[in-house]
C-alpha atoms as a PDB file:
ATOM      1  CA  UNK A   1     -33.426 -20.710 -12.461  1.00  0.00           C
ATOM      2  CA  UNK A   2     -34.197 -20.925 -16.319  1.00  0.00           C
ATOM      3  CA  UNK A   3     -31.885 -21.299 -18.680  1.00  0.00           C
ATOM      4  CA  UNK A   4     -31.938 -18.724 -20.487  1.00  0.00           C
ATOM      5  CA  UNK A   5     -29.417 -16.790 -22.177  1.00  0.00           C
ATOM      6  CA  UNK A   6     -31.201 -13.559 -20.521  1.00  0.00           C
ATOM      7  CA  UNK A   7     -30.444 -15.516 -17.393  1.00  0.00           C
ATOM      8  CA  UNK A   8     -26.675 -16.116 -18.312  1.00  0.00           C
ATOM      9  CA  UNK A   9     -25.861 -13.111 -18.918  1.00  0.00           C
ATOM     10  CA  UNK A  10     -27.707 -11.656 -15.819  1.00  0.00           C
ATOM     11  CA  UNK A  11     -25.337 -14.033 -13.928  1.00  0.00           C
ATOM     12  CA  UNK A  12     -22.460 -13.991 -16.144  1.00  0.00           C
ATOM     13  CA  UNK A  13     -23.395  -9.677 -15.247  1.00  0.00           C
ATOM     14  CA  UNK A  14     -23.475 -10.481 -11.052  1.00  0.00           C
ATOM     15  CA  UNK A  15     -20.425 -12.419 -11.122  1.00  0.00           C
ATOM     16  CA  UNK A  16     -17.778  -9.597 -12.712  1.00  0.00           C
ATOM     17  CA  UNK A  17     -19.533  -7.074 -10.432  1.00  0.00           C
ATOM     18  CA  UNK A  18     -19.300  -9.333  -7.384  1.00  0.00           C
ATOM     19  CA  UNK A  19     -14.657  -9.641  -8.490  1.00  0.00           C
ATOM     20  CA  UNK A  20     -15.298  -5.994  -8.484  1.00  0.00           C
ATOM     21  CA  UNK A  21     -16.335  -5.781  -4.869  1.00  0.00           C
ATOM     22  CA  UNK A  22     -13.884  -7.923  -3.684  1.00  0.00           C
ATOM     23  CA  UNK A  23     -10.760  -6.263  -5.264  1.00  0.00           C
ATOM     24  CA  UNK A  24     -12.620  -3.569  -3.032  1.00  0.00           C
ATOM     25  CA  UNK A  25     -12.904  -5.292  -0.295  1.00  0.00           C
ATOM     26  CA  UNK A  26      -9.348  -6.632  -0.391  1.00  0.00           C
ATOM     27  CA  UNK A  27      -8.073  -2.272  -0.691  1.00  0.00           C
ATOM     28  CA  UNK A  28      -9.672  -2.392   2.564  1.00  0.00           C
ATOM     29  CA  UNK A  29      -8.286  -4.951   4.636  1.00  0.00           C
ATOM     30  CA  UNK A  30      -5.421  -4.060   3.459  1.00  0.00           C
ATOM     31  CA  UNK A  31      -5.620  -0.138   4.396  1.00  0.00           C
ATOM     32  CA  UNK A  32      -6.293  -1.376   7.775  1.00  0.00           C
ATOM     33  CA  UNK A  33      -3.467  -3.726   8.469  1.00  0.00           C
ATOM     34  CA  UNK A  34      -2.283  -6.187  10.064  1.00  0.00           C
ATOM     35  CA  UNK A  35      -2.930  -7.608  13.009  1.00  0.00           C
ATOM     36  CA  UNK A  36      -6.206  -6.293  13.313  1.00  0.00           C
ATOM     37  CA  UNK A  37      -7.074  -7.601   9.254  1.00  0.00           C
ATOM     38  CA  UNK A  38      -5.438 -10.678   9.508  1.00  0.00           C
ATOM     39  CA  UNK A  39      -9.161 -12.202  10.057  1.00  0.00           C
ATOM     40  CA  UNK A  40     -10.422 -10.733   6.757  1.00  0.00           C
ATOM     41  CA  UNK A  41      -7.629 -11.430   5.119  1.00  0.00           C
ATOM     42  CA  UNK A  42      -7.914 -14.856   5.718  1.00  0.00           C
ATOM     43  CA  UNK A  43     -12.019 -15.047   5.071  1.00  0.00           C
ATOM     44  CA  UNK A  44     -11.378 -12.983   1.496  1.00  0.00           C
ATOM     45  CA  UNK A  45      -8.702 -16.110   0.557  1.00  0.00           C
ATOM     46  CA  UNK A  46     -12.016 -18.805   1.133  1.00  0.00           C
ATOM     47  CA  UNK A  47     -14.156 -16.692  -0.968  1.00  0.00           C
ATOM     48  CA  UNK A  48     -11.646 -16.004  -3.455  1.00  0.00           C
ATOM     49  CA  UNK A  49     -11.330 -19.585  -3.733  1.00  0.00           C
ATOM     50  CA  UNK A  50     -14.773 -19.777  -3.476  1.00  0.00           C
ATOM     51  CA  UNK A  51     -15.534 -17.504  -6.826  1.00  0.00           C
ATOM     52  CA  UNK A  52     -13.159 -19.175  -8.743  1.00  0.00           C
ATOM     53  CA  UNK A  53     -14.624 -22.370  -8.079  1.00  0.00           C
ATOM     54  CA  UNK A  54     -17.502 -20.755  -9.185  1.00  0.00           C
ATOM     55  CA  UNK A  55     -16.182 -18.860 -12.515  1.00  0.00           C
ATOM     56  CA  UNK A  56     -15.311 -22.488 -13.402  1.00  0.00           C
ATOM     57  CA  UNK A  57     -18.723 -24.204 -12.754  1.00  0.00           C
ATOM     58  CA  UNK A  58     -20.333 -20.517 -14.489  1.00  0.00           C
ATOM     59  CA  UNK A  59     -17.749 -21.666 -17.414  1.00  0.00           C
ATOM     60  CA  UNK A  60     -18.668 -25.368 -17.607  1.00  0.00           C
ATOM     61  CA  UNK A  61     -21.768 -24.481 -18.152  1.00  0.00           C
ATOM     62  CA  UNK A  62     -21.163 -22.497 -20.435  1.00  0.00           C
ATOM     63  CA  UNK A  63     -18.829 -24.257 -22.851  1.00  0.00           C
ATOM     64  CA  UNK A  64     -22.096 -27.243 -23.006  1.00  0.00           C
ATOM     65  CA  UNK A  65     -23.648 -25.416 -25.611  1.00  0.00           C
ATOM     66  CA  UNK A  66     -27.080 -25.022 -23.966  1.00  0.00           C
ATOM     67  CA  UNK A  67     -27.079 -24.001 -20.044  1.00  0.00           C
ATOM     68  CA  UNK A  68     -27.421 -27.088 -17.679  1.00  0.00           C
ATOM     69  CA  UNK A  69     -30.501 -25.568 -15.140  1.00  0.00           C
ATOM     70  CA  UNK A  70     -29.594 -27.874 -12.851  1.00  0.00           C
ATOM     71  CA  UNK A  71     -26.046 -26.332 -12.314  1.00  0.00           C
ATOM     72  CA  UNK A  72     -27.103 -22.614 -13.035  1.00  0.00           C
ATOM     73  CA  UNK A  73     -28.975 -22.905  -9.983  1.00  0.00           C
ATOM     74  CA  UNK A  74     -26.119 -24.259  -8.018  1.00  0.00           C
ATOM     75  CA  UNK A  75     -23.774 -21.659  -9.790  1.00  0.00           C
ATOM     76  CA  UNK A  76     -26.788 -18.822  -8.537  1.00  0.00           C
ATOM     77  CA  UNK A  77     -26.471 -20.316  -4.848  1.00  0.00           C
ATOM     78  CA  UNK A  78     -22.889 -20.429  -4.698  1.00  0.00           C
ATOM     79  CA  UNK A  79     -22.921 -16.453  -6.183  1.00  0.00           C
ATOM     80  CA  UNK A  80     -25.426 -15.906  -3.515  1.00  0.00           C
ATOM     81  CA  UNK A  81     -23.841 -17.625  -0.811  1.00  0.00           C
ATOM     82  CA  UNK A  82     -20.398 -14.873  -1.777  1.00  0.00           C
ATOM     83  CA  UNK A  83     -22.634 -12.752  -1.563  1.00  0.00           C
ATOM     84  CA  UNK A  84     -23.643 -12.618   1.543  1.00  0.00           C
ATOM     85  CA  UNK A  85     -20.480 -13.419   3.017  1.00  0.00           C
ATOM     86  CA  UNK A  86     -18.893 -10.820   1.074  1.00  0.00           C
ATOM     87  CA  UNK A  87     -21.093  -8.210   2.983  1.00  0.00           C
ATOM     88  CA  UNK A  88     -20.491  -9.723   5.801  1.00  0.00           C
ATOM     89  CA  UNK A  89     -16.573  -8.993   5.647  1.00  0.00           C
ATOM     90  CA  UNK A  90     -17.399  -5.761   4.451  1.00  0.00           C
ATOM     91  CA  UNK A  91     -19.206  -4.704   7.212  1.00  0.00           C
ATOM     92  CA  UNK A  92     -16.197  -6.221   9.506  1.00  0.00           C
ATOM     93  CA  UNK A  93     -13.849  -4.243   7.619  1.00  0.00           C
ATOM     94  CA  UNK A  94     -15.944  -1.258   8.285  1.00  0.00           C
ATOM     95  CA  UNK A  95     -16.286  -1.308  11.491  1.00  0.00           C
ATOM     96  CA  UNK A  96     -12.413  -1.885  11.790  1.00  0.00           C
ATOM     97  CA  UNK A  97     -12.165   1.537   9.891  1.00  0.00           C
ATOM     98  CA  UNK A  98     -14.146   3.072  12.726  1.00  0.00           C
ATOM     99  CA  UNK A  99     -11.955   0.689  15.481  1.00  0.00           C
ATOM    100  CA  UNK A 100      -9.637   3.710  17.804  1.00  0.00           C
ATOM    101  CA  UNK A 101      -5.572   3.786  16.191  1.00  0.00           C
ATOM    102  CA  UNK A 102      -3.908   1.043  18.165  1.00  0.00           C
ATOM    103  CA  UNK A 103      -1.062   2.366  20.824  1.00  0.00           C
ATOM    104  CA  UNK A 104       1.601   1.055  18.612  1.00  0.00           C
ATOM    105  CA  UNK A 105       0.457   3.177  15.766  1.00  0.00           C
ATOM    106  CA  UNK A 106       0.074   6.243  18.210  1.00  0.00           C
ATOM    107  CA  UNK A 107       4.400   5.523  19.796  1.00  0.00           C
ATOM    108  CA  UNK A 108       4.990   5.621  15.829  1.00  0.00           C
ATOM    109  CA  UNK A 109       2.579   8.824  14.826  1.00  0.00           C
ATOM    110  CA  UNK A 110       4.868  10.730  18.287  1.00  0.00           C
ATOM    111  CA  UNK A 111       8.382   9.512  17.043  1.00  0.00           C
ATOM    112  CA  UNK A 112       7.767  11.132  14.234  1.00  0.00           C
ATOM    113  CA  UNK A 113       6.495  14.210  14.911  1.00  0.00           C
ATOM    114  CA  UNK A 114       8.803  14.025  17.868  1.00  0.00           C
ATOM    115  CA  UNK A 115      11.583  13.544  14.692  1.00  0.00           C
ATOM    116  CA  UNK A 116      10.146  16.716  12.770  1.00  0.00           C
ATOM    117  CA  UNK A 117      10.354  18.543  15.849  1.00  0.00           C
ATOM    118  CA  UNK A 118      14.481  17.902  16.627  1.00  0.00           C
ATOM    119  CA  UNK A 119      14.959  18.847  12.341  1.00  0.00           C
ATOM    120  CA  UNK A 120      13.157  21.636  12.865  1.00  0.00           C
ATOM    121  CA  UNK A 121      15.436  23.037  15.885  1.00  0.00           C
ATOM    122  CA  UNK A 122      18.365  22.175  14.658  1.00  0.00           C
ATOM    123  CA  UNK A 123      17.546  23.843  11.442  1.00  0.00           C
ATOM    124  CA  UNK A 124      17.109  27.094  13.800  1.00  0.00           C
ATOM    125  CA  UNK A 125      20.079  26.466  14.771  1.00  0.00           C
ATOM    126  CA  UNK A 126      21.976  25.399  12.004  1.00  0.00           C
ATOM    127  CA  UNK A 127      20.486  27.048   9.135  1.00  0.00           C
ATOM    128  CA  UNK A 128      20.006  25.125   5.796  1.00  0.00           C
ATOM    129  CA  UNK A 129      23.360  23.622   5.483  1.00  0.00           C
ATOM    130  CA  UNK A 130      24.539  20.831   7.642  1.00  0.00           C
ATOM    131  CA  UNK A 131      28.331  20.964   8.815  1.00  0.00           C
ATOM    132  CA  UNK A 132      28.419  17.022   8.863  1.00  0.00           C
ATOM    133  CA  UNK A 133      25.157  16.496   5.563  1.00  0.00           C
ATOM    134  CA  UNK A 134      27.751  17.597   2.715  1.00  0.00           C
ATOM    135  CA  UNK A 135      31.117  15.493   1.635  1.00  0.00           C
ATOM    136  CA  UNK A 136      33.984  17.938   0.980  1.00  0.00           C
ATOM    137  CA  UNK A 137      35.390  16.811  -2.539  1.00  0.00           C
ATOM    138  CA  UNK A 138      31.766  17.635  -3.957  1.00  0.00           C
ATOM    139  CA  UNK A 139      30.822  21.578  -5.588  1.00  0.00           C
ATOM    140  CA  UNK A 140      34.339  21.920  -4.446  1.00  0.00           C
ATOM    141  CA  UNK A 141      37.402  23.230  -6.217  1.00  0.00           C
ATOM    142  CA  UNK A 142      40.810  22.692  -4.531  1.00  0.00           C
ATOM    143  CA  UNK A 143      41.539  25.982  -3.702  1.00  0.00           C
ATOM    144  CA  UNK A 144      37.896  26.547  -1.917  1.00  0.00           C
ATOM    145  CA  UNK A 145      39.030  23.108   0.049  1.00  0.00           C
ATOM    146  CA  UNK A 146      42.286  24.729   0.672  1.00  0.00           C
ATOM    147  CA  UNK A 147      41.312  27.648   2.549  1.00  0.00           C
ATOM    148  CA  UNK A 148      38.007  25.877   4.330  1.00  0.00           C
ATOM    149  CA  UNK A 149      40.137  23.146   5.588  1.00  0.00           C
ATOM    150  CA  UNK A 150      44.070  23.835   5.354  1.00  0.00           C
ATOM    151  CA  UNK A 151      45.291  25.254   8.443  1.00  0.00           C
ATOM    152  CA  UNK A 152      46.191  28.484   9.735  1.00  0.00           C
ATOM    153  CA  UNK A 153      49.718  28.383   8.998  1.00  0.00           C
ATOM    154  CA  UNK A 154      49.061  26.727   5.649  1.00  0.00           C
ATOM    155  CA  UNK A 155      46.540  28.997   4.493  1.00  0.00           C
ATOM    156  CA  UNK A 156      48.956  32.529   5.131  1.00  0.00           C
ATOM    157  CA  UNK A 157      50.814  30.950   2.461  1.00  0.00           C
ATOM    158  CA  UNK A 158      47.711  29.656   0.354  1.00  0.00           C
ATOM    159  CA  UNK A 159      46.459  33.173   0.121  1.00  0.00           C
ATOM    160  CA  UNK A 160      50.196  34.999  -0.276  1.00  0.00           C
ATOM    161  CA  UNK A 161      51.337  32.353  -3.042  1.00  0.00           C
ATOM    162  CA  UNK A 162      47.483  33.211  -4.718  1.00  0.00           C
ATOM    163  CA  UNK A 163      46.246  29.663  -5.165  1.00  0.00           C
ATOM    164  CA  UNK A 164      49.593  27.208  -5.346  1.00  0.00           C
ATOM    165  CA  UNK A 165      50.701  24.680  -2.410  1.00  0.00           C
ATOM    166  CA  UNK A 166      53.574  23.479  -1.884  1.00  0.00           C
END
């Protein structure tokens, strides 16, 4: 690689693109989840370390004024290695996205569907009002609480005395 400002700018652009690709790969691995994505996560961490070394070497070559040809060749070689590894990891992540769901995932999904069926049956039987789901004291007046929850003999006295309780 020749040490020209254009080559240096092109290399900086490639490094920025690589950083974006690694961020996308990290999101893909996060979507895959564990334990399937464990090995990819480990490989990504290694790539992140190599990327930091790449950026550090590139910035050091830029700070020295005129970029060193040998150093820029090493930076470009490391960049190509990281790009190859990132492409390999992307292919592995794509493969894992296509894999069949695990038995635990299927069990969790089935349990969630069963709970939703139970809730809908419960709502159908009781309506929207759940007897244990509301507090006795929230949004009620003393009269409505006494009328609803008082013993039968007190309900008669409450209605005859028009809301006055002894």
